[in-house]
Structures are given as C-alpha cells and as structure tokens.
Amino acid sequence: MTTTYDLSTLIGKARLYSKDTTLTSVRFSDEEIQGFLDMEGSDPRLAAAVSLELTAVDQALLAKVTQVGDIKLDGSTVAESLISQANNLRRLVRISRTGASASLEMVSRLDTFPLI
C-alpha cells in the first residue's frame, strides 16, 4: 500500500482536509483515499469527509473513557467531532457548488479540526 502527501494531487488535498498528513501514522493508504475520491466524484473535500466518517466509526466502536492523571479522553466525543467536521466539509461543497463564497466560513472552521 502506498502512502504519499503531495498537495498537488487530489489524494494529498484529501489528506490535508482530513488531517491525515503524518506519513508515519496515516489512517488510510493512497489506494483507499483514491477509492473515496472515486466514490465522491473526485472532490477531495468529500473524500476527506468519508475518511473522517470512517475514522469516527472506528472511534465510536472503541468508545471508552480513558483518564490519565487530569487528562480525560472520551472516544465518543472524538467521534462526534469527526462527524461534525465531515458534515462541515459536505456543507462547504454544497455552498461552493451553488456559487456562494465558502472561503470565509472555511477559515473560521479551521480551528475546529480535531487533532488526531
């Protein structure tokens, strides 16, 4: 399985939108992301939404609360955040396809990307 991160490609752009950019620990191979692109009409934002949704499913399946010292990690909260971001990407695609400007909204959403 191949793993690349090149922003001049649709796969690289999908990785950027889904925050799957650390090549030593990617969630999906290039082949899998290409499959998402094929399913979603070659739109990297929609491919990223699929990636986030599938990652959320994994988090939900593993949903448990883990606490180490004062730090509490809740798998279901992570899953909800990922689904929310996937929904935001899908909404941005709808907005851009209707001719409305989505760039300001995207900038305001960048700080809501979960660090995963």
Protein backbone atom coordinates (compact mmCIF):
# COMPACT_ATOMS: atom_id res chain seq x y z
CA MET A 1 0.00 0.00 0.00
CA THR A 2 1.25 3.43 -0.97
CA THR A 3 1.35 6.46 1.28
CA THR A 4 2.13 9.92 -0.10
CA TYR A 5 1.41 13.52 0.84
CA ASP A 6 1.66 15.82 -2.16
CA LEU A 7 -0.67 18.82 -2.20
CA SER A 8 -0.56 18.98 -5.99
CA THR A 9 -2.63 15.75 -6.08
CA LEU A 10 -6.23 15.07 -5.11
CA ILE A 11 -5.03 12.44 -2.65
CA GLY A 12 -2.78 14.99 -0.95
CA LYS A 13 -5.61 17.52 -0.78
CA ALA A 14 -7.94 14.91 0.73
CA ARG A 15 -5.26 14.11 3.33
CA LEU A 16 -4.98 17.82 4.14
CA TYR A 17 -8.73 18.25 4.66
CA SER A 18 -8.94 15.15 6.84
CA LYS A 19 -5.75 15.92 8.80
CA ASP A 20 -4.24 12.58 7.72
CA THR A 21 -0.85 14.14 6.99
CA THR A 22 1.64 12.36 9.24
CA LEU A 23 3.05 9.74 6.90
CA THR A 24 4.41 7.58 9.70
CA SER A 25 0.91 7.04 11.08
CA VAL A 26 -1.66 7.58 8.31
CA ARG A 27 -5.16 6.28 8.76
CA PHE A 28 -5.71 5.45 5.09
CA SER A 29 -3.48 4.38 2.20
CA ASP A 30 -3.38 6.28 -1.08
CA GLU A 31 -5.39 3.45 -2.66
CA GLU A 32 -8.13 3.81 -0.06
CA ILE A 33 -8.24 7.59 -0.49
CA GLN A 34 -8.41 7.10 -4.26
CA GLY A 35 -11.43 4.86 -3.63
CA PHE A 36 -13.05 7.66 -1.60
CA LEU A 37 -12.28 10.10 -4.43
CA ASP A 38 -13.83 7.69 -6.95
CA MET A 39 -16.97 7.38 -4.80
CA GLU A 40 -17.24 11.14 -4.29
CA GLY A 41 -16.74 12.48 -7.81
CA SER A 42 -13.03 13.33 -7.36
CA ASP A 43 -13.80 16.05 -4.79
CA PRO A 44 -11.06 15.92 -2.13
CA ARG A 45 -13.32 17.60 0.44
CA LEU A 46 -15.92 14.86 0.07
CA ALA A 47 -13.23 12.17 0.09
CA ALA A 48 -11.95 13.72 3.33
CA ALA A 49 -15.49 13.66 4.73
CA VAL A 50 -15.64 9.90 4.05
CA SER A 51 -12.26 9.50 5.75
CA LEU A 52 -13.44 11.45 8.81
CA GLU A 53 -16.70 9.48 8.97
CA LEU A 54 -14.90 6.14 8.83
CA THR A 55 -12.44 7.29 11.49
CA ALA A 56 -15.42 8.35 13.61
CA VAL A 57 -16.93 4.89 13.25
CA ASP A 58 -13.66 3.39 14.49
CA GLN A 59 -13.64 5.80 17.44
CA ALA A 60 -17.28 5.02 18.25
CA LEU A 61 -16.60 1.28 18.15
CA LEU A 62 -13.75 1.81 20.58
CA ALA A 63 -15.70 4.40 22.55
CA LYS A 64 -14.49 4.38 26.05
CA VAL A 65 -13.42 6.97 28.52
CA THR A 66 -9.76 6.86 29.43
CA GLN A 67 -8.26 9.01 32.11
CA VAL A 68 -4.57 9.53 32.73
CA GLY A 69 -3.97 11.95 35.56
CA ASP A 70 -6.03 15.06 34.85
CA ILE A 71 -6.43 14.24 31.15
CA LYS A 72 -9.66 12.56 30.15
CA LEU A 73 -10.12 11.10 26.65
CA ASP A 74 -13.62 10.20 25.51
CA GLY A 75 -13.86 8.19 22.28
CA SER A 76 -17.49 9.16 21.68
CA THR A 77 -16.62 12.86 21.90
CA VAL A 78 -13.84 12.38 19.33
CA ALA A 79 -16.31 10.55 17.06
CA GLU A 80 -18.84 13.38 17.36
CA SER A 81 -16.16 15.94 16.50
CA LEU A 82 -15.09 13.96 13.42
CA ILE A 83 -18.68 13.61 12.19
CA SER A 84 -19.20 17.34 12.73
CA GLN A 85 -16.13 18.16 10.65
CA ALA A 86 -17.25 15.75 7.91
CA ASN A 87 -20.64 17.49 7.87
CA ASN A 88 -18.90 20.88 7.63
CA LEU A 89 -16.89 19.71 4.62
CA ARG A 90 -20.02 18.39 2.90
CA ARG A 91 -21.82 21.67 3.61
CA LEU A 92 -18.91 23.67 2.18
CA VAL A 93 -19.07 21.62 -1.01
CA ARG A 94 -22.80 22.31 -1.31
CA ILE A 95 -22.20 26.04 -0.77
CA SER A 96 -19.40 26.19 -3.32
CA ARG A 97 -21.48 24.33 -5.89
CA THR A 98 -24.30 26.85 -5.55
CA GLY A 99 -21.89 29.72 -6.28
CA ALA A 100 -21.80 31.13 -2.75
CA SER A 101 -18.48 32.04 -1.21
CA ALA A 102 -17.38 29.46 1.33
CA SER A 103 -13.84 30.68 1.89
CA LEU A 104 -14.60 32.83 4.95
CA GLU A 105 -16.55 30.04 6.54
CA MET A 106 -13.71 27.57 5.93
CA VAL A 107 -11.24 29.90 7.61
CA SER A 108 -13.49 30.16 10.65
CA ARG A 109 -13.73 26.35 10.79
CA LEU A 110 -10.03 25.57 10.54
CA ASP A 111 -9.52 25.84 14.27
CA THR A 112 -12.26 23.24 14.86
CA PHE A 113 -10.30 20.43 13.18
CA PRO A 114 -9.63 17.79 15.82
CA LEU A 115 -6.01 16.90 16.38
CA ILE A 116 -5.95 13.20 15.61
